[in-house]
Amino acid sequence: MSEFERCVEDRRLIHVQASDKMIEKESNGAKYDLKRAEESLRNGDCKWASVQAYYSMFHAAKALVLRRGYREKSHYCLLIALRDLYVNAGELGEEFADNFEMAMDIRHEADYALSYDEESAKIAVRNAERFLHKAQEMLARNGGKK
């Protein structure tokens, strides 16, 4: 059984009929969090910049996965769904999923271990910018559907 199938079986990924409004809400959340991450970075708050950059990517990934008819109940399964539904399908480069996973790790360290630095925050924000741009491009193209 694949990790994707396991996530579905464990109900950490659930089939949904996502409306355009739900997808737009996640996309807007991604934009908001990215703006806040950039602001936090400018203000020297590397911890919050790292956390907000991750959540920008989280909401962008959630919008993409919703477009394919799944809602996540687990951050890990959101990553698995992104890889299965987009990377494995050849629609999204592996580096985008890898960068999402790296941001997940950076956020975890910043939140739980209180371990963060300016370089990691800059990387997270830069990757979040690229990820959001790519996700918006994909969502705009034919509604993001297969």
N, C-alpha and C. Protein backbone atom coordinates (compact mmCIF):
# COMPACT_ATOMS: atom_id res chain seq x y z
N MET A 1 0.84 -1.18 0.00
CA MET A 1 0.00 0.00 0.00
C MET A 1 0.89 1.25 0.00
N SER A 2 0.57 2.20 -0.84
CA SER A 2 1.35 3.44 -0.92
C SER A 2 1.05 4.33 0.29
N GLU A 3 1.93 5.30 0.51
CA GLU A 3 1.71 6.25 1.61
C GLU A 3 0.41 7.04 1.37
N PHE A 4 0.14 7.38 0.12
CA PHE A 4 -1.09 8.10 -0.21
C PHE A 4 -2.30 7.26 0.18
N GLU A 5 -2.30 6.00 -0.23
CA GLU A 5 -3.41 5.10 0.10
C GLU A 5 -3.55 4.93 1.62
N ARG A 6 -2.43 4.87 2.30
CA ARG A 6 -2.47 4.74 3.77
C ARG A 6 -3.10 5.98 4.40
N CYS A 7 -2.75 7.15 3.88
CA CYS A 7 -3.34 8.40 4.39
C CYS A 7 -4.85 8.42 4.18
N VAL A 8 -5.29 7.94 3.01
CA VAL A 8 -6.73 7.88 2.73
C VAL A 8 -7.39 6.86 3.65
N GLU A 9 -6.79 5.68 3.77
CA GLU A 9 -7.35 4.63 4.63
C GLU A 9 -7.45 5.09 6.10
N ASP A 10 -6.43 5.81 6.56
CA ASP A 10 -6.41 6.30 7.95
C ASP A 10 -7.23 7.58 8.13
N ARG A 11 -7.88 8.03 7.05
CA ARG A 11 -8.71 9.24 7.06
C ARG A 11 -7.93 10.50 7.42
N ARG A 12 -6.65 10.50 7.04
CA ARG A 12 -5.85 11.71 7.17
C ARG A 12 -5.87 12.48 5.86
N LEU A 13 -6.43 11.86 4.83
CA LEU A 13 -6.82 12.50 3.57
C LEU A 13 -8.24 12.04 3.30
N ILE A 14 -9.12 13.01 3.06
CA ILE A 14 -10.54 12.70 2.91
C ILE A 14 -11.02 13.26 1.57
N HIS A 15 -11.79 12.44 0.83
CA HIS A 15 -12.41 12.91 -0.42
C HIS A 15 -13.41 14.00 -0.09
N VAL A 16 -13.35 15.09 -0.84
CA VAL A 16 -14.30 16.18 -0.67
C VAL A 16 -14.67 16.75 -2.03
N GLN A 17 -15.79 17.40 -2.07
CA GLN A 17 -16.18 18.19 -3.23
C GLN A 17 -15.82 19.63 -2.86
N ALA A 18 -14.66 20.07 -3.26
CA ALA A 18 -14.19 21.40 -2.89
C ALA A 18 -14.76 22.45 -3.83
N SER A 19 -15.27 23.50 -3.25
CA SER A 19 -15.79 24.61 -4.06
C SER A 19 -14.65 25.55 -4.41
N ASP A 20 -14.89 26.35 -5.44
CA ASP A 20 -13.91 27.37 -5.80
C ASP A 20 -13.67 28.32 -4.64
N LYS A 21 -14.71 28.56 -3.85
CA LYS A 21 -14.58 29.46 -2.70
C LYS A 21 -13.62 28.87 -1.65
N MET A 22 -13.69 27.57 -1.41
CA MET A 22 -12.78 26.93 -0.46
C MET A 22 -11.33 27.04 -0.94
N ILE A 23 -11.13 26.82 -2.22
CA ILE A 23 -9.79 26.87 -2.80
C ILE A 23 -9.26 28.30 -2.76
N GLU A 24 -10.11 29.25 -3.09
CA GLU A 24 -9.72 30.67 -3.05
C GLU A 24 -9.36 31.09 -1.62
N LYS A 25 -10.10 30.60 -0.65
CA LYS A 25 -9.81 30.93 0.75
C LYS A 25 -8.40 30.46 1.13
N GLU A 26 -8.03 29.26 0.72
CA GLU A 26 -6.68 28.74 1.02
C GLU A 26 -5.62 29.56 0.28
N SER A 27 -5.88 29.88 -0.96
CA SER A 27 -4.94 30.68 -1.75
C SER A 27 -4.74 32.06 -1.11
N ASN A 28 -5.82 32.67 -0.67
CA ASN A 28 -5.72 33.97 0.00
C ASN A 28 -4.96 33.85 1.33
N GLY A 29 -5.17 32.75 2.03
CA GLY A 29 -4.43 32.51 3.27
C GLY A 29 -2.94 32.39 2.99
N ALA A 30 -2.59 31.75 1.89
CA ALA A 30 -1.18 31.61 1.50
C ALA A 30 -0.57 32.98 1.22
N LYS A 31 -1.29 33.84 0.51
CA LYS A 31 -0.81 35.19 0.21
C LYS A 31 -0.62 36.00 1.49
N TYR A 32 -1.61 35.92 2.37
CA TYR A 32 -1.55 36.65 3.64
C TYR A 32 -0.33 36.21 4.46
N ASP A 33 -0.14 34.91 4.59
CA ASP A 33 0.97 34.41 5.40
C ASP A 33 2.31 34.77 4.78
N LEU A 34 2.40 34.76 3.46
CA LEU A 34 3.65 35.15 2.82
C LEU A 34 3.96 36.62 3.10
N LYS A 35 2.96 37.47 2.98
CA LYS A 35 3.15 38.90 3.27
C LYS A 35 3.66 39.10 4.69
N ARG A 36 3.05 38.38 5.62
CA ARG A 36 3.45 38.49 7.03
C ARG A 36 4.86 37.93 7.25
N ALA A 37 5.22 36.86 6.54
CA ALA A 37 6.56 36.29 6.65
C ALA A 37 7.61 37.29 6.16
N GLU A 38 7.32 37.94 5.04
CA GLU A 38 8.25 38.93 4.51
C GLU A 38 8.42 40.10 5.48
N GLU A 39 7.31 40.52 6.07
CA GLU A 39 7.33 41.60 7.06
C GLU A 39 8.12 41.19 8.30
N SER A 40 7.90 39.99 8.79
CA SER A 40 8.62 39.49 9.96
C SER A 40 10.12 39.42 9.67
N LEU A 41 10.48 38.97 8.49
CA LEU A 41 11.89 38.88 8.10
C LEU A 41 12.52 40.27 8.07
N ARG A 42 11.83 41.23 7.49
CA ARG A 42 12.34 42.62 7.45
C ARG A 42 12.54 43.16 8.86
N ASN A 43 11.69 42.74 9.79
CA ASN A 43 11.77 43.21 11.18
C ASN A 43 12.73 42.39 12.03
N GLY A 44 13.40 41.43 11.41
CA GLY A 44 14.38 40.63 12.14
C GLY A 44 13.80 39.52 13.00
N ASP A 45 12.51 39.21 12.81
CA ASP A 45 11.87 38.15 13.58
C ASP A 45 11.93 36.85 12.78
N CYS A 46 13.08 36.19 12.89
CA CYS A 46 13.33 35.00 12.07
C CYS A 46 12.45 33.82 12.45
N LYS A 47 12.10 33.72 13.73
CA LYS A 47 11.23 32.61 14.14
C LYS A 47 9.88 32.72 13.43
N TRP A 48 9.23 33.89 13.55
CA TRP A 48 7.91 34.03 12.95
C TRP A 48 7.96 34.03 11.44
N ALA A 49 9.03 34.56 10.86
CA ALA A 49 9.16 34.51 9.41
C ALA A 49 9.18 33.05 8.94
N SER A 50 9.89 32.20 9.67
CA SER A 50 9.97 30.77 9.33
C SER A 50 8.61 30.10 9.44
N VAL A 51 7.91 30.39 10.53
CA VAL A 51 6.59 29.79 10.75
C VAL A 51 5.59 30.27 9.70
N GLN A 52 5.58 31.57 9.45
CA GLN A 52 4.62 32.12 8.49
C GLN A 52 4.93 31.67 7.07
N ALA A 53 6.20 31.54 6.72
CA ALA A 53 6.56 31.05 5.38
C ALA A 53 6.04 29.62 5.20
N TYR A 54 6.21 28.79 6.23
CA TYR A 54 5.68 27.42 6.14
C TYR A 54 4.17 27.45 5.92
N TYR A 55 3.46 28.25 6.70
CA TYR A 55 2.01 28.26 6.57
C TYR A 55 1.55 28.82 5.23
N SER A 56 2.33 29.70 4.63
CA SER A 56 2.01 30.13 3.27
C SER A 56 2.06 28.93 2.33
N MET A 57 3.11 28.13 2.46
CA MET A 57 3.24 26.94 1.62
C MET A 57 2.15 25.92 1.95
N PHE A 58 1.84 25.76 3.22
CA PHE A 58 0.80 24.84 3.66
C PHE A 58 -0.53 25.19 2.98
N HIS A 59 -0.92 26.46 3.03
CA HIS A 59 -2.21 26.86 2.45
C HIS A 59 -2.20 26.76 0.92
N ALA A 60 -1.06 27.05 0.29
CA ALA A 60 -0.97 26.89 -1.16
C ALA A 60 -1.09 25.41 -1.54
N ALA A 61 -0.41 24.55 -0.80
CA ALA A 61 -0.50 23.10 -1.05
C ALA A 61 -1.92 22.61 -0.81
N LYS A 62 -2.53 23.12 0.24
CA LYS A 62 -3.91 22.72 0.55
C LYS A 62 -4.86 23.11 -0.58
N ALA A 63 -4.66 24.29 -1.17
CA ALA A 63 -5.49 24.72 -2.30
C ALA A 63 -5.33 23.75 -3.47
N LEU A 64 -4.09 23.36 -3.77
CA LEU A 64 -3.85 22.43 -4.87
C LEU A 64 -4.50 21.07 -4.60
N VAL A 65 -4.35 20.57 -3.41
CA VAL A 65 -4.89 19.25 -3.06
C VAL A 65 -6.42 19.29 -3.03
N LEU A 66 -6.98 20.38 -2.55
CA LEU A 66 -8.43 20.55 -2.59
C LEU A 66 -8.93 20.50 -4.03
N ARG A 67 -8.19 21.14 -4.94
CA ARG A 67 -8.58 21.16 -6.35
C ARG A 67 -8.72 19.74 -6.90
N ARG A 68 -7.95 18.82 -6.35
CA ARG A 68 -8.00 17.42 -6.79
C ARG A 68 -8.97 16.58 -5.96
N GLY A 69 -9.71 17.24 -5.06
CA GLY A 69 -10.77 16.54 -4.36
C GLY A 69 -10.39 15.90 -3.04
N TYR A 70 -9.34 16.40 -2.40
CA TYR A 70 -8.93 15.86 -1.09
C TYR A 70 -8.71 16.99 -0.10
N ARG A 71 -9.05 16.70 1.15
CA ARG A 71 -8.79 17.60 2.27
C ARG A 71 -7.90 16.85 3.24
N GLU A 72 -6.89 17.55 3.74
CA GLU A 72 -5.93 16.91 4.64
C GLU A 72 -6.36 17.00 6.09
N LYS A 73 -5.96 16.02 6.86
CA LYS A 73 -6.15 16.01 8.31
C LYS A 73 -4.79 15.84 8.98
N SER A 74 -3.73 15.99 8.19
CA SER A 74 -2.37 15.77 8.66
C SER A 74 -1.42 16.55 7.76
N HIS A 75 -0.51 17.29 8.38
CA HIS A 75 0.48 18.03 7.59
C HIS A 75 1.30 17.07 6.74
N TYR A 76 1.68 15.95 7.33
CA TYR A 76 2.47 14.94 6.61
C TYR A 76 1.69 14.41 5.41
N CYS A 77 0.42 14.11 5.59
CA CYS A 77 -0.37 13.58 4.48
C CYS A 77 -0.62 14.63 3.41
N LEU A 78 -0.60 15.90 3.77
CA LEU A 78 -0.69 16.95 2.76
C LEU A 78 0.54 16.88 1.85
N LEU A 79 1.70 16.70 2.43
CA LEU A 79 2.93 16.53 1.65
C LEU A 79 2.83 15.30 0.75
N ILE A 80 2.35 14.19 1.30
CA ILE A 80 2.20 12.96 0.53
C ILE A 80 1.23 13.18 -0.64
N ALA A 81 0.12 13.86 -0.37
CA ALA A 81 -0.87 14.14 -1.44
C ALA A 81 -0.27 15.03 -2.51
N LEU A 82 0.49 16.05 -2.12
CA LEU A 82 1.13 16.93 -3.08
C LEU A 82 2.05 16.14 -4.00
N ARG A 83 2.83 15.25 -3.40
CA ARG A 83 3.75 14.42 -4.21
C ARG A 83 2.97 13.48 -5.14
N ASP A 84 1.95 12.83 -4.60
CA ASP A 84 1.20 11.84 -5.38
C ASP A 84 0.37 12.49 -6.49
N LEU A 85 -0.34 13.55 -6.16
CA LEU A 85 -1.29 14.15 -7.09
C LEU A 85 -0.64 15.08 -8.12
N TYR A 86 0.51 15.64 -7.79
CA TYR A 86 1.13 16.62 -8.68
C TYR A 86 2.55 16.25 -9.13
N VAL A 87 3.42 15.89 -8.20
CA VAL A 87 4.80 15.59 -8.58
C VAL A 87 4.85 14.31 -9.39
N ASN A 88 4.24 13.25 -8.88
CA ASN A 88 4.25 11.96 -9.59
C ASN A 88 3.51 12.04 -10.92
N ALA A 89 2.58 12.98 -11.04
CA ALA A 89 1.83 13.17 -12.28
C ALA A 89 2.62 14.04 -13.28
N GLY A 90 3.78 14.53 -12.85
CA GLY A 90 4.61 15.34 -13.73
C GLY A 90 4.18 16.78 -13.89
N GLU A 91 3.29 17.25 -13.00
CA GLU A 91 2.78 18.62 -13.11
C GLU A 91 3.49 19.61 -12.21
N LEU A 92 4.28 19.08 -11.28
CA LEU A 92 4.99 19.94 -10.32
C LEU A 92 6.37 19.34 -10.10
N GLY A 93 7.38 20.18 -10.18
CA GLY A 93 8.74 19.70 -9.98
C GLY A 93 8.97 19.19 -8.56
N GLU A 94 9.78 18.17 -8.46
CA GLU A 94 10.11 17.56 -7.16
C GLU A 94 10.64 18.59 -6.17
N GLU A 95 11.36 19.60 -6.67
CA GLU A 95 11.95 20.59 -5.75
C GLU A 95 10.88 21.35 -4.97
N PHE A 96 9.69 21.51 -5.53
CA PHE A 96 8.63 22.22 -4.81
C PHE A 96 8.16 21.39 -3.60
N ALA A 97 8.00 20.10 -3.79
CA ALA A 97 7.62 19.24 -2.66
C ALA A 97 8.77 19.15 -1.66
N ASP A 98 10.01 19.07 -2.15
CA ASP A 98 11.17 19.03 -1.26
C ASP A 98 11.26 20.32 -0.43
N ASN A 99 11.01 21.45 -1.07
CA ASN A 99 11.05 22.73 -0.36
C ASN A 99 9.92 22.85 0.66
N PHE A 100 8.77 22.30 0.33
CA PHE A 100 7.66 22.27 1.29
C PHE A 100 8.06 21.43 2.51
N GLU A 101 8.67 20.29 2.25
CA GLU A 101 9.11 19.43 3.35
C GLU A 101 10.19 20.12 4.19
N MET A 102 11.11 20.83 3.54
CA MET A 102 12.14 21.55 4.27
C MET A 102 11.51 22.65 5.14
N ALA A 103 10.53 23.37 4.59
CA ALA A 103 9.84 24.41 5.35
C ALA A 103 9.12 23.80 6.55
N MET A 104 8.57 22.62 6.36
CA MET A 104 7.90 21.90 7.45
C MET A 104 8.90 21.65 8.59
N ASP A 105 10.10 21.21 8.22
CA ASP A 105 11.14 20.94 9.22
C ASP A 105 11.61 22.22 9.89
N ILE A 106 11.80 23.29 9.11
CA ILE A 106 12.23 24.58 9.67
C ILE A 106 11.19 25.09 10.65
N ARG A 107 9.92 25.01 10.26
CA ARG A 107 8.85 25.46 11.15
C ARG A 107 8.81 24.64 12.43
N HIS A 108 8.97 23.35 12.31
CA HIS A 108 8.93 22.46 13.47
C HIS A 108 10.06 22.84 14.44
N GLU A 109 11.24 23.04 13.90
CA GLU A 109 12.39 23.42 14.75
C GLU A 109 12.16 24.78 15.41
N ALA A 110 11.63 25.73 14.65
CA ALA A 110 11.39 27.07 15.19
C ALA A 110 10.31 27.04 16.28
N ASP A 111 9.25 26.29 16.03
CA ASP A 111 8.13 26.22 16.97
C ASP A 111 8.43 25.41 18.22
N TYR A 112 9.01 24.24 18.05
CA TYR A 112 9.12 23.30 19.16
C TYR A 112 10.48 23.25 19.81
N ALA A 113 11.53 23.50 19.04
CA ALA A 113 12.88 23.46 19.61
C ALA A 113 13.43 24.86 19.84
N LEU A 114 12.67 25.87 19.42
CA LEU A 114 13.11 27.26 19.48
C LEU A 114 14.48 27.42 18.83
N SER A 115 14.64 26.72 17.74
CA SER A 115 15.88 26.73 16.97
C SER A 115 15.59 27.33 15.60
N TYR A 116 16.15 28.50 15.34
CA TYR A 116 15.91 29.20 14.08
C TYR A 116 17.06 30.17 13.84
N ASP A 117 17.21 30.57 12.59
CA ASP A 117 18.25 31.54 12.26
C ASP A 117 17.83 32.31 11.01
N GLU A 118 18.54 33.37 10.74
CA GLU A 118 18.19 34.25 9.63
C GLU A 118 18.31 33.53 8.28
N GLU A 119 19.35 32.74 8.10
CA GLU A 119 19.55 32.06 6.82
C GLU A 119 18.39 31.11 6.51
N SER A 120 17.98 30.30 7.50
CA SER A 120 16.85 29.38 7.31
C SER A 120 15.57 30.15 7.02
N ALA A 121 15.37 31.26 7.74
CA ALA A 121 14.16 32.07 7.52
C ALA A 121 14.15 32.63 6.11
N LYS A 122 15.30 33.11 5.63
CA LYS A 122 15.37 33.66 4.28
C LYS A 122 15.07 32.58 3.24
N ILE A 123 15.63 31.40 3.44
CA ILE A 123 15.38 30.29 2.53
C ILE A 123 13.89 29.94 2.52
N ALA A 124 13.30 29.85 3.71
CA ALA A 124 11.88 29.49 3.81
C ALA A 124 11.00 30.52 3.10
N VAL A 125 11.30 31.80 3.30
CA VAL A 125 10.49 32.86 2.67
C VAL A 125 10.67 32.83 1.16
N ARG A 126 11.89 32.69 0.70
CA ARG A 126 12.16 32.63 -0.75
C ARG A 126 11.44 31.43 -1.38
N ASN A 127 11.50 30.28 -0.72
CA ASN A 127 10.82 29.09 -1.25
C ASN A 127 9.30 29.26 -1.21
N ALA A 128 8.80 29.91 -0.18
CA ALA A 128 7.35 30.15 -0.10
C ALA A 128 6.89 31.05 -1.24
N GLU A 129 7.69 32.05 -1.59
CA GLU A 129 7.35 32.94 -2.71
C GLU A 129 7.26 32.14 -4.01
N ARG A 130 8.25 31.31 -4.26
CA ARG A 130 8.27 30.50 -5.48
C ARG A 130 7.09 29.51 -5.50
N PHE A 131 6.84 28.88 -4.34
CA PHE A 131 5.78 27.88 -4.25
C PHE A 131 4.41 28.53 -4.50
N LEU A 132 4.18 29.67 -3.87
CA LEU A 132 2.90 30.34 -4.04
C LEU A 132 2.71 30.77 -5.50
N HIS A 133 3.73 31.32 -6.10
CA HIS A 133 3.64 31.72 -7.51
C HIS A 133 3.28 30.51 -8.39
N LYS A 134 3.96 29.40 -8.18
CA LYS A 134 3.71 28.19 -8.97
C LYS A 134 2.29 27.66 -8.73
N ALA A 135 1.87 27.63 -7.47
CA ALA A 135 0.53 27.13 -7.14
C ALA A 135 -0.54 28.01 -7.78
N GLN A 136 -0.37 29.32 -7.73
CA GLN A 136 -1.35 30.23 -8.34
C GLN A 136 -1.42 30.01 -9.84
N GLU A 137 -0.27 29.84 -10.45
CA GLU A 137 -0.20 29.57 -11.88
C GLU A 137 -0.95 28.28 -12.22
N MET A 138 -0.75 27.24 -11.43
CA MET A 138 -1.40 25.96 -11.68
C MET A 138 -2.90 26.04 -11.45
N LEU A 139 -3.31 26.75 -10.41
CA LEU A 139 -4.74 26.88 -10.12
C LEU A 139 -5.46 27.68 -11.20
N ALA A 140 -4.78 28.67 -11.76
CA ALA A 140 -5.38 29.52 -12.78
C ALA A 140 -5.53 28.79 -14.11
N ARG A 141 -4.63 27.86 -14.36
CA ARG A 141 -4.62 27.13 -15.63
C ARG A 141 -5.75 26.11 -15.64
N ASN A 142 -6.78 26.37 -16.40
CA ASN A 142 -7.92 25.45 -16.54
C ASN A 142 -8.49 25.01 -15.20
N GLY A 143 -8.49 25.92 -14.25
CA GLY A 143 -9.05 25.58 -12.95
C GLY A 143 -8.21 24.56 -12.20
N GLY A 144 -7.02 24.23 -12.68
CA GLY A 144 -6.14 23.29 -11.99
C GLY A 144 -6.56 21.85 -12.09
N LYS A 145 -7.55 21.55 -12.92
CA LYS A 145 -8.06 20.17 -13.00
C LYS A 145 -7.25 19.33 -13.96
N LYS A 146 -7.32 18.02 -13.77
CA LYS A 146 -6.63 17.07 -14.66
C LYS A 146 -7.25 17.10 -16.03
